Amino acid sequence: RKQRESFDTVSARAVANLSVLAELCVPL
């Protein structure tokens, strides 16, 4: 909500299945 679409790269490891993880990460 504060940092939407503000990162050049977003990474994640061992967090969740990709279909879930995508919605947590791609908006950033």
mmCIF file of all heavy atoms, coordinates in Angstrom:
data_MODEL
# 
_entry.id   MODEL 
# 
loop_
_atom_site.group_PDB 
_atom_site.id 
_atom_site.type_symbol 
_atom_site.label_atom_id 
_atom_site.label_alt_id 
_atom_site.label_comp_id 
_atom_site.label_asym_id 
_atom_site.label_entity_id 
_atom_site.label_seq_id 
_atom_site.pdbx_PDB_ins_code 
_atom_site.Cartn_x 
_atom_site.Cartn_y 
_atom_site.Cartn_z 
_atom_site.occupancy 
_atom_site.B_iso_or_equiv 
_atom_site.pdbx_formal_charge 
_atom_site.auth_seq_id 
_atom_site.auth_comp_id 
_atom_site.auth_asym_id 
_atom_site.auth_atom_id 
_atom_site.pdbx_PDB_model_num 
ATOM 1   N N   . ARG A 1 1  ? 0.827  -1.211  0.000   1.00 0.00 ? 1  ARG A N   1 
ATOM 2   C CA  . ARG A 1 1  ? 0.000  0.000   0.000   1.00 0.00 ? 1  ARG A CA  1 
ATOM 3   C C   . ARG A 1 1  ? 0.861  1.261   0.000   1.00 0.00 ? 1  ARG A C   1 
ATOM 4   O O   . ARG A 1 1  ? 0.443  2.309   -0.491  1.00 0.00 ? 1  ARG A O   1 
ATOM 5   C CB  . ARG A 1 1  ? -0.935 -0.005  1.222   1.00 0.00 ? 1  ARG A CB  1 
ATOM 6   C CG  . ARG A 1 1  ? -1.938 -1.142  1.227   1.00 0.00 ? 1  ARG A CG  1 
ATOM 7   C CD  . ARG A 1 1  ? -2.950 -0.969  2.352   1.00 0.00 ? 1  ARG A CD  1 
ATOM 8   N NE  . ARG A 1 1  ? -3.817 -2.136  2.437   1.00 0.00 ? 1  ARG A NE  1 
ATOM 9   C CZ  . ARG A 1 1  ? -3.942 -2.906  3.505   1.00 0.00 ? 1  ARG A CZ  1 
ATOM 10  N NH1 . ARG A 1 1  ? -3.244 -2.635  4.605   1.00 0.00 ? 1  ARG A NH1 1 
ATOM 11  N NH2 . ARG A 1 1  ? -4.754 -3.939  3.510   1.00 0.00 ? 1  ARG A NH2 1 
ATOM 12  N N   . LYS A 1 2  ? 2.067  1.136   0.584   1.00 0.00 ? 2  LYS A N   1 
ATOM 13  C CA  . LYS A 1 2  ? 2.967  2.292   0.647   1.00 0.00 ? 2  LYS A CA  1 
ATOM 14  C C   . LYS A 1 2  ? 4.034  2.272   -0.441  1.00 0.00 ? 2  LYS A C   1 
ATOM 15  O O   . LYS A 1 2  ? 4.602  3.314   -0.782  1.00 0.00 ? 2  LYS A O   1 
ATOM 16  C CB  . LYS A 1 2  ? 3.670  2.317   2.017   1.00 0.00 ? 2  LYS A CB  1 
ATOM 17  C CG  . LYS A 1 2  ? 2.749  2.545   3.187   1.00 0.00 ? 2  LYS A CG  1 
ATOM 18  C CD  . LYS A 1 2  ? 3.436  2.316   4.511   1.00 0.00 ? 2  LYS A CD  1 
ATOM 19  C CE  . LYS A 1 2  ? 3.570  0.834   4.808   1.00 0.00 ? 2  LYS A CE  1 
ATOM 20  N NZ  . LYS A 1 2  ? 4.072  0.571   6.183   1.00 0.00 ? 2  LYS A NZ  1 
ATOM 21  N N   . GLN A 1 3  ? 4.341  1.082   -0.967  1.00 0.00 ? 3  GLN A N   1 
ATOM 22  C CA  . GLN A 1 3  ? 5.484  0.942   -1.883  1.00 0.00 ? 3  GLN A CA  1 
ATOM 23  C C   . GLN A 1 3  ? 5.102  0.243   -3.192  1.00 0.00 ? 3  GLN A C   1 
ATOM 24  O O   . GLN A 1 3  ? 5.914  -0.449  -3.784  1.00 0.00 ? 3  GLN A O   1 
ATOM 25  C CB  . GLN A 1 3  ? 6.599  0.161   -1.188  1.00 0.00 ? 3  GLN A CB  1 
ATOM 26  C CG  . GLN A 1 3  ? 7.212  0.871   -0.003  1.00 0.00 ? 3  GLN A CG  1 
ATOM 27  C CD  . GLN A 1 3  ? 8.082  2.044   -0.419  1.00 0.00 ? 3  GLN A CD  1 
ATOM 28  O OE1 . GLN A 1 3  ? 8.652  2.063   -1.498  1.00 0.00 ? 3  GLN A OE1 1 
ATOM 29  N NE2 . GLN A 1 3  ? 8.185  3.038   0.446   1.00 0.00 ? 3  GLN A NE2 1 
ATOM 30  N N   . ARG A 1 4  ? 3.900  0.460   -3.631  1.00 0.00 ? 4  ARG A N   1 
ATOM 31  C CA  . ARG A 1 4  ? 3.408  -0.211  -4.837  1.00 0.00 ? 4  ARG A CA  1 
ATOM 32  C C   . ARG A 1 4  ? 4.269  0.127   -6.058  1.00 0.00 ? 4  ARG A C   1 
ATOM 33  O O   . ARG A 1 4  ? 4.586  1.282   -6.311  1.00 0.00 ? 4  ARG A O   1 
ATOM 34  C CB  . ARG A 1 4  ? 1.951  0.197   -5.084  1.00 0.00 ? 4  ARG A CB  1 
ATOM 35  C CG  . ARG A 1 4  ? 1.281  -0.564  -6.214  1.00 0.00 ? 4  ARG A CG  1 
ATOM 36  C CD  . ARG A 1 4  ? -0.187 -0.154  -6.347  1.00 0.00 ? 4  ARG A CD  1 
ATOM 37  N NE  . ARG A 1 4  ? -0.842 -1.077  -7.268  1.00 0.00 ? 4  ARG A NE  1 
ATOM 38  C CZ  . ARG A 1 4  ? -1.384 -2.224  -6.894  1.00 0.00 ? 4  ARG A CZ  1 
ATOM 39  N NH1 . ARG A 1 4  ? -1.357 -2.592  -5.624  1.00 0.00 ? 4  ARG A NH1 1 
ATOM 40  N NH2 . ARG A 1 4  ? -1.961 -3.020  -7.777  1.00 0.00 ? 4  ARG A NH2 1 
ATOM 41  N N   . GLU A 1 5  ? 4.673  -0.906  -6.792  1.00 0.00 ? 5  GLU A N   1 
ATOM 42  C CA  . GLU A 1 5  ? 5.414  -0.767  -8.046  1.00 0.00 ? 5  GLU A CA  1 
ATOM 43  C C   . GLU A 1 5  ? 6.593  0.188   -7.907  1.00 0.00 ? 5  GLU A C   1 
ATOM 44  O O   . GLU A 1 5  ? 6.795  1.083   -8.737  1.00 0.00 ? 5  GLU A O   1 
ATOM 45  C CB  . GLU A 1 5  ? 4.465  -0.351  -9.172  1.00 0.00 ? 5  GLU A CB  1 
ATOM 46  C CG  . GLU A 1 5  ? 3.402  -1.432  -9.402  1.00 0.00 ? 5  GLU A CG  1 
ATOM 47  C CD  . GLU A 1 5  ? 2.493  -1.204  -10.599 1.00 0.00 ? 5  GLU A CD  1 
ATOM 48  O OE1 . GLU A 1 5  ? 2.207  -0.030  -10.904 1.00 0.00 ? 5  GLU A OE1 1 
ATOM 49  O OE2 . GLU A 1 5  ? 2.070  -2.202  -11.203 1.00 0.00 ? 5  GLU A OE2 1 
ATOM 50  N N   . SER A 1 6  ? 7.410  -0.029  -6.864  1.00 0.00 ? 6  SER A N   1 
ATOM 51  C CA  . SER A 1 6  ? 8.548  0.866   -6.612  1.00 0.00 ? 6  SER A CA  1 
ATOM 52  C C   . SER A 1 6  ? 9.899  0.146   -6.590  1.00 0.00 ? 6  SER A C   1 
ATOM 53  O O   . SER A 1 6  ? 10.915 0.782   -6.328  1.00 0.00 ? 6  SER A O   1 
ATOM 54  C CB  . SER A 1 6  ? 8.349  1.594   -5.275  1.00 0.00 ? 6  SER A CB  1 
ATOM 55  O OG  . SER A 1 6  ? 8.316  0.691   -4.196  1.00 0.00 ? 6  SER A OG  1 
ATOM 56  N N   . PHE A 1 7  ? 9.906  -1.168  -6.888  1.00 0.00 ? 7  PHE A N   1 
ATOM 57  C CA  . PHE A 1 7  ? 11.157 -1.931  -6.836  1.00 0.00 ? 7  PHE A CA  1 
ATOM 58  C C   . PHE A 1 7  ? 11.593 -2.404  -8.221  1.00 0.00 ? 7  PHE A C   1 
ATOM 59  O O   . PHE A 1 7  ? 10.771 -2.831  -9.032  1.00 0.00 ? 7  PHE A O   1 
ATOM 60  C CB  . PHE A 1 7  ? 11.011 -3.142  -5.914  1.00 0.00 ? 7  PHE A CB  1 
ATOM 61  C CG  . PHE A 1 7  ? 10.922 -2.781  -4.459  1.00 0.00 ? 7  PHE A CG  1 
ATOM 62  C CD1 . PHE A 1 7  ? 9.695  -2.546  -3.860  1.00 0.00 ? 7  PHE A CD1 1 
ATOM 63  C CD2 . PHE A 1 7  ? 12.068 -2.638  -3.691  1.00 0.00 ? 7  PHE A CD2 1 
ATOM 64  C CE1 . PHE A 1 7  ? 9.604  -2.195  -2.520  1.00 0.00 ? 7  PHE A CE1 1 
ATOM 65  C CE2 . PHE A 1 7  ? 12.002 -2.297  -2.355  1.00 0.00 ? 7  PHE A CE2 1 
ATOM 66  C CZ  . PHE A 1 7  ? 10.762 -2.069  -1.761  1.00 0.00 ? 7  PHE A CZ  1 
ATOM 67  N N   . ASP A 1 8  ? 12.900 -2.356  -8.454  1.00 0.00 ? 8  ASP A N   1 
ATOM 68  C CA  . ASP A 1 8  ? 13.457 -2.876  -9.702  1.00 0.00 ? 8  ASP A CA  1 
ATOM 69  C C   . ASP A 1 8  ? 13.408 -4.407  -9.710  1.00 0.00 ? 8  ASP A C   1 
ATOM 70  O O   . ASP A 1 8  ? 13.215 -5.019  -10.761 1.00 0.00 ? 8  ASP A O   1 
ATOM 71  C CB  . ASP A 1 8  ? 14.922 -2.431  -9.859  1.00 0.00 ? 8  ASP A CB  1 
ATOM 72  C CG  . ASP A 1 8  ? 15.060 -0.922  -9.892  1.00 0.00 ? 8  ASP A CG  1 
ATOM 73  O OD1 . ASP A 1 8  ? 14.569 -0.311  -10.861 1.00 0.00 ? 8  ASP A OD1 1 
ATOM 74  O OD2 . ASP A 1 8  ? 15.635 -0.357  -8.953  1.00 0.00 ? 8  ASP A OD2 1 
ATOM 75  N N   . THR A 1 9  ? 13.616 -5.001  -8.535  1.00 0.00 ? 9  THR A N   1 
ATOM 76  C CA  . THR A 1 9  ? 13.637 -6.454  -8.409  1.00 0.00 ? 9  THR A CA  1 
ATOM 77  C C   . THR A 1 9  ? 12.931 -6.865  -7.124  1.00 0.00 ? 9  THR A C   1 
ATOM 78  O O   . THR A 1 9  ? 13.122 -6.221  -6.084  1.00 0.00 ? 9  THR A O   1 
ATOM 79  C CB  . THR A 1 9  ? 15.087 -6.992  -8.339  1.00 0.00 ? 9  THR A CB  1 
ATOM 80  O OG1 . THR A 1 9  ? 15.874 -6.396  -9.362  1.00 0.00 ? 9  THR A OG1 1 
ATOM 81  C CG2 . THR A 1 9  ? 15.112 -8.500  -8.493  1.00 0.00 ? 9  THR A CG2 1 
ATOM 82  N N   . VAL A 1 10 ? 12.135 -7.921  -7.199  1.00 0.00 ? 10 VAL A N   1 
ATOM 83  C CA  . VAL A 1 10 ? 11.539 -8.517  -6.003  1.00 0.00 ? 10 VAL A CA  1 
ATOM 84  C C   . VAL A 1 10 ? 11.847 -10.003 -6.018  1.00 0.00 ? 10 VAL A C   1 
ATOM 85  O O   . VAL A 1 10 ? 11.592 -10.689 -7.022  1.00 0.00 ? 10 VAL A O   1 
ATOM 86  C CB  . VAL A 1 10 ? 10.014 -8.281  -5.933  1.00 0.00 ? 10 VAL A CB  1 
ATOM 87  C CG1 . VAL A 1 10 ? 9.409  -9.030  -4.745  1.00 0.00 ? 10 VAL A CG1 1 
ATOM 88  C CG2 . VAL A 1 10 ? 9.703  -6.785  -5.823  1.00 0.00 ? 10 VAL A CG2 1 
ATOM 89  N N   . SER A 1 11 ? 12.421 -10.494 -4.937  1.00 0.00 ? 11 SER A N   1 
ATOM 90  C CA  . SER A 1 11 ? 12.774 -11.909 -4.839  1.00 0.00 ? 11 SER A CA  1 
ATOM 91  C C   . SER A 1 11 ? 11.999 -12.562 -3.708  1.00 0.00 ? 11 SER A C   1 
ATOM 92  O O   . SER A 1 11 ? 11.488 -11.890 -2.807  1.00 0.00 ? 11 SER A O   1 
ATOM 93  C CB  . SER A 1 11 ? 14.276 -12.065 -4.580  1.00 0.00 ? 11 SER A CB  1 
ATOM 94  O OG  . SER A 1 11 ? 14.602 -11.530 -3.310  1.00 0.00 ? 11 SER A OG  1 
ATOM 95  N N   . ALA A 1 12 ? 11.932 -13.879 -3.735  1.00 0.00 ? 12 ALA A N   1 
ATOM 96  C CA  . ALA A 1 12 ? 11.319 -14.647 -2.648  1.00 0.00 ? 12 ALA A CA  1 
ATOM 97  C C   . ALA A 1 12 ? 11.809 -16.079 -2.743  1.00 0.00 ? 12 ALA A C   1 
ATOM 98  O O   . ALA A 1 12 ? 11.966 -16.625 -3.833  1.00 0.00 ? 12 ALA A O   1 
ATOM 99  C CB  . ALA A 1 12 ? 9.799  -14.602 -2.738  1.00 0.00 ? 12 ALA A CB  1 
ATOM 100 N N   . ARG A 1 13 ? 12.052 -16.674 -1.583  1.00 0.00 ? 13 ARG A N   1 
ATOM 101 C CA  . ARG A 1 13 ? 12.559 -18.049 -1.522  1.00 0.00 ? 13 ARG A CA  1 
ATOM 102 C C   . ARG A 1 13 ? 11.836 -18.796 -0.407  1.00 0.00 ? 13 ARG A C   1 
ATOM 103 O O   . ARG A 1 13 ? 11.767 -18.320 0.725   1.00 0.00 ? 13 ARG A O   1 
ATOM 104 C CB  . ARG A 1 13 ? 14.070 -18.029 -1.257  1.00 0.00 ? 13 ARG A CB  1 
ATOM 105 C CG  . ARG A 1 13 ? 14.736 -19.397 -1.059  1.00 0.00 ? 13 ARG A CG  1 
ATOM 106 C CD  . ARG A 1 13 ? 16.216 -19.164 -0.823  1.00 0.00 ? 13 ARG A CD  1 
ATOM 107 N NE  . ARG A 1 13 ? 16.987 -20.388 -0.672  1.00 0.00 ? 13 ARG A NE  1 
ATOM 108 C CZ  . ARG A 1 13 ? 17.407 -20.866 0.510   1.00 0.00 ? 13 ARG A CZ  1 
ATOM 109 N NH1 . ARG A 1 13 ? 17.097 -20.235 1.631   1.00 0.00 ? 13 ARG A NH1 1 
ATOM 110 N NH2 . ARG A 1 13 ? 18.134 -21.963 0.567   1.00 0.00 ? 13 ARG A NH2 1 
ATOM 111 N N   . ALA A 1 14 ? 11.289 -19.957 -0.748  1.00 0.00 ? 14 ALA A N   1 
ATOM 112 C CA  . ALA A 1 14 ? 10.647 -20.835 0.239   1.00 0.00 ? 14 ALA A CA  1 
ATOM 113 C C   . ALA A 1 14 ? 9.543  -20.117 1.017   1.00 0.00 ? 14 ALA A C   1 
ATOM 114 O O   . ALA A 1 14 ? 9.461  -20.203 2.237   1.00 0.00 ? 14 ALA A O   1 
ATOM 115 C CB  . ALA A 1 14 ? 11.691 -21.402 1.200   1.00 0.00 ? 14 ALA A CB  1 
ATOM 116 N N   . VAL A 1 15 ? 8.677  -19.389 0.288   1.00 0.00 ? 15 VAL A N   1 
ATOM 117 C CA  . VAL A 1 15 ? 7.593  -18.647 0.940   1.00 0.00 ? 15 VAL A CA  1 
ATOM 118 C C   . VAL A 1 15 ? 6.237  -19.301 0.696   1.00 0.00 ? 15 VAL A C   1 
ATOM 119 O O   . VAL A 1 15 ? 5.504  -19.582 1.633   1.00 0.00 ? 15 VAL A O   1 
ATOM 120 C CB  . VAL A 1 15 ? 7.565  -17.173 0.472   1.00 0.00 ? 15 VAL A CB  1 
ATOM 121 C CG1 . VAL A 1 15 ? 6.357  -16.448 1.066   1.00 0.00 ? 15 VAL A CG1 1 
ATOM 122 C CG2 . VAL A 1 15 ? 8.849  -16.461 0.878   1.00 0.00 ? 15 VAL A CG2 1 
ATOM 123 N N   . ALA A 1 16 ? 5.884  -19.537 -0.570  1.00 0.00 ? 16 ALA A N   1 
ATOM 124 C CA  . ALA A 1 16 ? 4.564  -20.081 -0.896  1.00 0.00 ? 16 ALA A CA  1 
ATOM 125 C C   . ALA A 1 16 ? 4.570  -20.607 -2.325  1.00 0.00 ? 16 ALA A C   1 
ATOM 126 O O   . ALA A 1 16 ? 5.498  -20.355 -3.093  1.00 0.00 ? 16 ALA A O   1 
ATOM 127 C CB  . ALA A 1 16 ? 3.492  -18.990 -0.753  1.00 0.00 ? 16 ALA A CB  1 
ATOM 128 N N   . ASN A 1 17 ? 3.526  -21.344 -2.660  1.00 0.00 ? 17 ASN A N   1 
ATOM 129 C CA  . ASN A 1 17 ? 3.337  -21.786 -4.035  1.00 0.00 ? 17 ASN A CA  1 
ATOM 130 C C   . ASN A 1 17 ? 3.299  -20.565 -4.950  1.00 0.00 ? 17 ASN A C   1 
ATOM 131 O O   . ASN A 1 17 ? 2.793  -19.507 -4.568  1.00 0.00 ? 17 ASN A O   1 
ATOM 132 C CB  . ASN A 1 17 ? 2.038  -22.588 -4.150  1.00 0.00 ? 17 ASN A CB  1 
ATOM 133 C CG  . ASN A 1 17 ? 1.824  -23.144 -5.540  1.00 0.00 ? 17 ASN A CG  1 
ATOM 134 O OD1 . ASN A 1 17 ? 1.347  -22.455 -6.438  1.00 0.00 ? 17 ASN A OD1 1 
ATOM 135 N ND2 . ASN A 1 17 ? 2.190  -24.390 -5.721  1.00 0.00 ? 17 ASN A ND2 1 
ATOM 136 N N   . LEU A 1 18 ? 3.806  -20.690 -6.166  1.00 0.00 ? 18 LEU A N   1 
ATOM 137 C CA  . LEU A 1 18 ? 3.984  -19.548 -7.050  1.00 0.00 ? 18 LEU A CA  1 
ATOM 138 C C   . LEU A 1 18 ? 2.688  -18.805 -7.360  1.00 0.00 ? 18 LEU A C   1 
ATOM 139 O O   . LEU A 1 18 ? 2.691  -17.571 -7.473  1.00 0.00 ? 18 LEU A O   1 
ATOM 140 C CB  . LEU A 1 18 ? 4.670  -19.988 -8.345  1.00 0.00 ? 18 LEU A CB  1 
ATOM 141 C CG  . LEU A 1 18 ? 5.155  -18.886 -9.277  1.00 0.00 ? 18 LEU A CG  1 
ATOM 142 C CD1 . LEU A 1 18 ? 6.057  -17.894 -8.550  1.00 0.00 ? 18 LEU A CD1 1 
ATOM 143 C CD2 . LEU A 1 18 ? 5.878  -19.477 -10.473 1.00 0.00 ? 18 LEU A CD2 1 
ATOM 144 N N   . SER A 1 19 ? 1.574  -19.513 -7.477  1.00 0.00 ? 19 SER A N   1 
ATOM 145 C CA  . SER A 1 19 ? 0.296  -18.846 -7.771  1.00 0.00 ? 19 SER A CA  1 
ATOM 146 C C   . SER A 1 19 ? -0.101 -17.894 -6.650  1.00 0.00 ? 19 SER A C   1 
ATOM 147 O O   . SER A 1 19 ? -0.720 -16.855 -6.891  1.00 0.00 ? 19 SER A O   1 
ATOM 148 C CB  . SER A 1 19 ? -0.802 -19.889 -7.998  1.00 0.00 ? 19 SER A CB  1 
ATOM 149 O OG  . SER A 1 19 ? -0.532 -20.654 -9.147  1.00 0.00 ? 19 SER A OG  1 
ATOM 150 N N   . VAL A 1 20 ? 0.237  -18.247 -5.418  1.00 0.00 ? 20 VAL A N   1 
ATOM 151 C CA  . VAL A 1 20 ? -0.011 -17.385 -4.251  1.00 0.00 ? 20 VAL A CA  1 
ATOM 152 C C   . VAL A 1 20 ? 1.073  -16.319 -4.160  1.00 0.00 ? 20 VAL A C   1 
ATOM 153 O O   . VAL A 1 20 ? 0.801  -15.127 -3.981  1.00 0.00 ? 20 VAL A O   1 
ATOM 154 C CB  . VAL A 1 20 ? -0.055 -18.225 -2.956  1.00 0.00 ? 20 VAL A CB  1 
ATOM 155 C CG1 . VAL A 1 20 ? -0.079 -17.325 -1.718  1.00 0.00 ? 20 VAL A CG1 1 
ATOM 156 C CG2 . VAL A 1 20 ? -1.255 -19.157 -2.971  1.00 0.00 ? 20 VAL A CG2 1 
ATOM 157 N N   . LEU A 1 21 ? 2.306  -16.746 -4.285  1.00 0.00 ? 21 LEU A N   1 
ATOM 158 C CA  . LEU A 1 21 ? 3.460  -15.856 -4.140  1.00 0.00 ? 21 LEU A CA  1 
ATOM 159 C C   . LEU A 1 21 ? 3.421  -14.695 -5.125  1.00 0.00 ? 21 LEU A C   1 
ATOM 160 O O   . LEU A 1 21 ? 3.773  -13.559 -4.783  1.00 0.00 ? 21 LEU A O   1 
ATOM 161 C CB  . LEU A 1 21 ? 4.742  -16.670 -4.346  1.00 0.00 ? 21 LEU A CB  1 
ATOM 162 C CG  . LEU A 1 21 ? 6.069  -15.968 -4.094  1.00 0.00 ? 21 LEU A CG  1 
ATOM 163 C CD1 . LEU A 1 21 ? 6.190  -15.521 -2.639  1.00 0.00 ? 21 LEU A CD1 1 
ATOM 164 C CD2 . LEU A 1 21 ? 7.230  -16.881 -4.468  1.00 0.00 ? 21 LEU A CD2 1 
ATOM 165 N N   . ALA A 1 22 ? 2.991  -14.967 -6.335  1.00 0.00 ? 22 ALA A N   1 
ATOM 166 C CA  . ALA A 1 22 ? 2.955  -13.932 -7.372  1.00 0.00 ? 22 ALA A CA  1 
ATOM 167 C C   . ALA A 1 22 ? 2.132  -12.735 -6.937  1.00 0.00 ? 22 ALA A C   1 
ATOM 168 O O   . ALA A 1 22 ? 2.536  -11.581 -7.135  1.00 0.00 ? 22 ALA A O   1 
ATOM 169 C CB  . ALA A 1 22 ? 2.393  -14.514 -8.666  1.00 0.00 ? 22 ALA A CB  1 
ATOM 170 N N   . GLU A 1 23 ? 0.978  -12.990 -6.315  1.00 0.00 ? 23 GLU A N   1 
ATOM 171 C CA  . GLU A 1 23 ? 0.112  -11.882 -5.920  1.00 0.00 ? 23 GLU A CA  1 
ATOM 172 C C   . GLU A 1 23 ? 0.700  -11.081 -4.755  1.00 0.00 ? 23 GLU A C   1 
ATOM 173 O O   . GLU A 1 23 ? 0.379  -9.917  -4.575  1.00 0.00 ? 23 GLU A O   1 
ATOM 174 C CB  . GLU A 1 23 ? -1.288 -12.390 -5.569  1.00 0.00 ? 23 GLU A CB  1 
ATOM 175 C CG  . GLU A 1 23 ? -2.308 -11.275 -5.450  1.00 0.00 ? 23 GLU A CG  1 
ATOM 176 C CD  . GLU A 1 23 ? -3.744 -11.761 -5.359  1.00 0.00 ? 23 GLU A CD  1 
ATOM 177 O OE1 . GLU A 1 23 ? -4.013 -12.948 -5.670  1.00 0.00 ? 23 GLU A OE1 1 
ATOM 178 O OE2 . GLU A 1 23 ? -4.604 -10.953 -4.960  1.00 0.00 ? 23 GLU A OE2 1 
ATOM 179 N N   . LEU A 1 24 ? 1.581  -11.715 -3.974  1.00 0.00 ? 24 LEU A N   1 
ATOM 180 C CA  . LEU A 1 24 ? 2.233  -11.026 -2.868  1.00 0.00 ? 24 LEU A CA  1 
ATOM 181 C C   . LEU A 1 24 ? 3.426  -10.192 -3.340  1.00 0.00 ? 24 LEU A C   1 
ATOM 182 O O   . LEU A 1 24 ? 3.814  -9.233  -2.673  1.00 0.00 ? 24 LEU A O   1 
ATOM 183 C CB  . LEU A 1 24 ? 2.729  -12.053 -1.835  1.00 0.00 ? 24 LEU A CB  1 
ATOM 184 C CG  . LEU A 1 24 ? 1.673  -12.942 -1.178  1.00 0.00 ? 24 LEU A CG  1 
ATOM 185 C CD1 . LEU A 1 24 ? 2.341  -13.982 -0.292  1.00 0.00 ? 24 LEU A CD1 1 
ATOM 186 C CD2 . LEU A 1 24 ? 0.679  -12.106 -0.390  1.00 0.00 ? 24 LEU A CD2 1 
ATOM 187 N N   . CYS A 1 25 ? 3.993  -10.567 -4.479  1.00 0.00 ? 25 CYS A N   1 
ATOM 188 C CA  . CYS A 1 25 ? 5.247  -9.945  -4.923  1.00 0.00 ? 25 CYS A CA  1 
ATOM 189 C C   . CYS A 1 25 ? 5.129  -9.037  -6.138  1.00 0.00 ? 25 CYS A C   1 
ATOM 190 O O   . CYS A 1 25 ? 5.704  -7.938  -6.153  1.00 0.00 ? 25 CYS A O   1 
ATOM 191 C CB  . CYS A 1 25 ? 6.274  -11.045 -5.236  1.00 0.00 ? 25 CYS A CB  1 
ATOM 192 S SG  . CYS A 1 25 ? 6.782  -12.024 -3.810  1.00 0.00 ? 25 CYS A SG  1 
ATOM 193 N N   . VAL A 1 26 ? 4.431  -9.477  -7.169  1.00 0.00 ? 26 VAL A N   1 
ATOM 194 C CA  . VAL A 1 26 ? 4.407  -8.729  -8.436  1.00 0.00 ? 26 VAL A CA  1 
ATOM 195 C C   . VAL A 1 26 ? 3.889  -7.297  -8.267  1.00 0.00 ? 26 VAL A C   1 
ATOM 196 O O   . VAL A 1 26 ? 4.414  -6.376  -8.916  1.00 0.00 ? 26 VAL A O   1 
ATOM 197 C CB  . VAL A 1 26 ? 3.615  -9.497  -9.517  1.00 0.00 ? 26 VAL A CB  1 
ATOM 198 C CG1 . VAL A 1 26 ? 3.502  -8.667  -10.791 1.00 0.00 ? 26 VAL A CG1 1 
ATOM 199 C CG2 . VAL A 1 26 ? 4.294  -10.833 -9.821  1.00 0.00 ? 26 VAL A CG2 1 
ATOM 200 N N   . PRO A 1 27 ? 2.891  -7.026  -7.390  1.00 0.00 ? 27 PRO A N   1 
ATOM 201 C CA  . PRO A 1 27 ? 2.454  -5.637  -7.223  1.00 0.00 ? 27 PRO A CA  1 
ATOM 202 C C   . PRO A 1 27 ? 3.544  -4.694  -6.712  1.00 0.00 ? 27 PRO A C   1 
ATOM 203 O O   . PRO A 1 27 ? 3.432  -3.475  -6.874  1.00 0.00 ? 27 PRO A O   1 
ATOM 204 C CB  . PRO A 1 27 ? 1.309  -5.756  -6.198  1.00 0.00 ? 27 PRO A CB  1 
ATOM 205 C CG  . PRO A 1 27 ? 0.760  -7.132  -6.411  1.00 0.00 ? 27 PRO A CG  1 
ATOM 206 C CD  . PRO A 1 27 ? 1.982  -7.967  -6.680  1.00 0.00 ? 27 PRO A CD  1 
ATOM 207 N N   . LEU A 1 28 ? 4.605  -5.231  -6.119  1.00 0.00 ? 28 LEU A N   1 
ATOM 208 C CA  . LEU A 1 28 ? 5.704  -4.396  -5.635  1.00 0.00 ? 28 LEU A CA  1 
ATOM 209 C C   . LEU A 1 28 ? 6.688  -4.029  -6.750  1.00 0.00 ? 28 LEU A C   1 
ATOM 210 O O   . LEU A 1 28 ? 7.456  -3.074  -6.617  1.00 0.00 ? 28 LEU A O   1 
ATOM 211 C CB  . LEU A 1 28 ? 6.484  -5.123  -4.532  1.00 0.00 ? 28 LEU A CB  1 
ATOM 212 C CG  . LEU A 1 28 ? 5.805  -5.245  -3.165  1.00 0.00 ? 28 LEU A CG  1 
ATOM 213 C CD1 . LEU A 1 28 ? 6.532  -6.270  -2.308  1.00 0.00 ? 28 LEU A CD1 1 
ATOM 214 C CD2 . LEU A 1 28 ? 5.769  -3.891  -2.462  1.00 0.00 ? 28 LEU A CD2 1 
# 
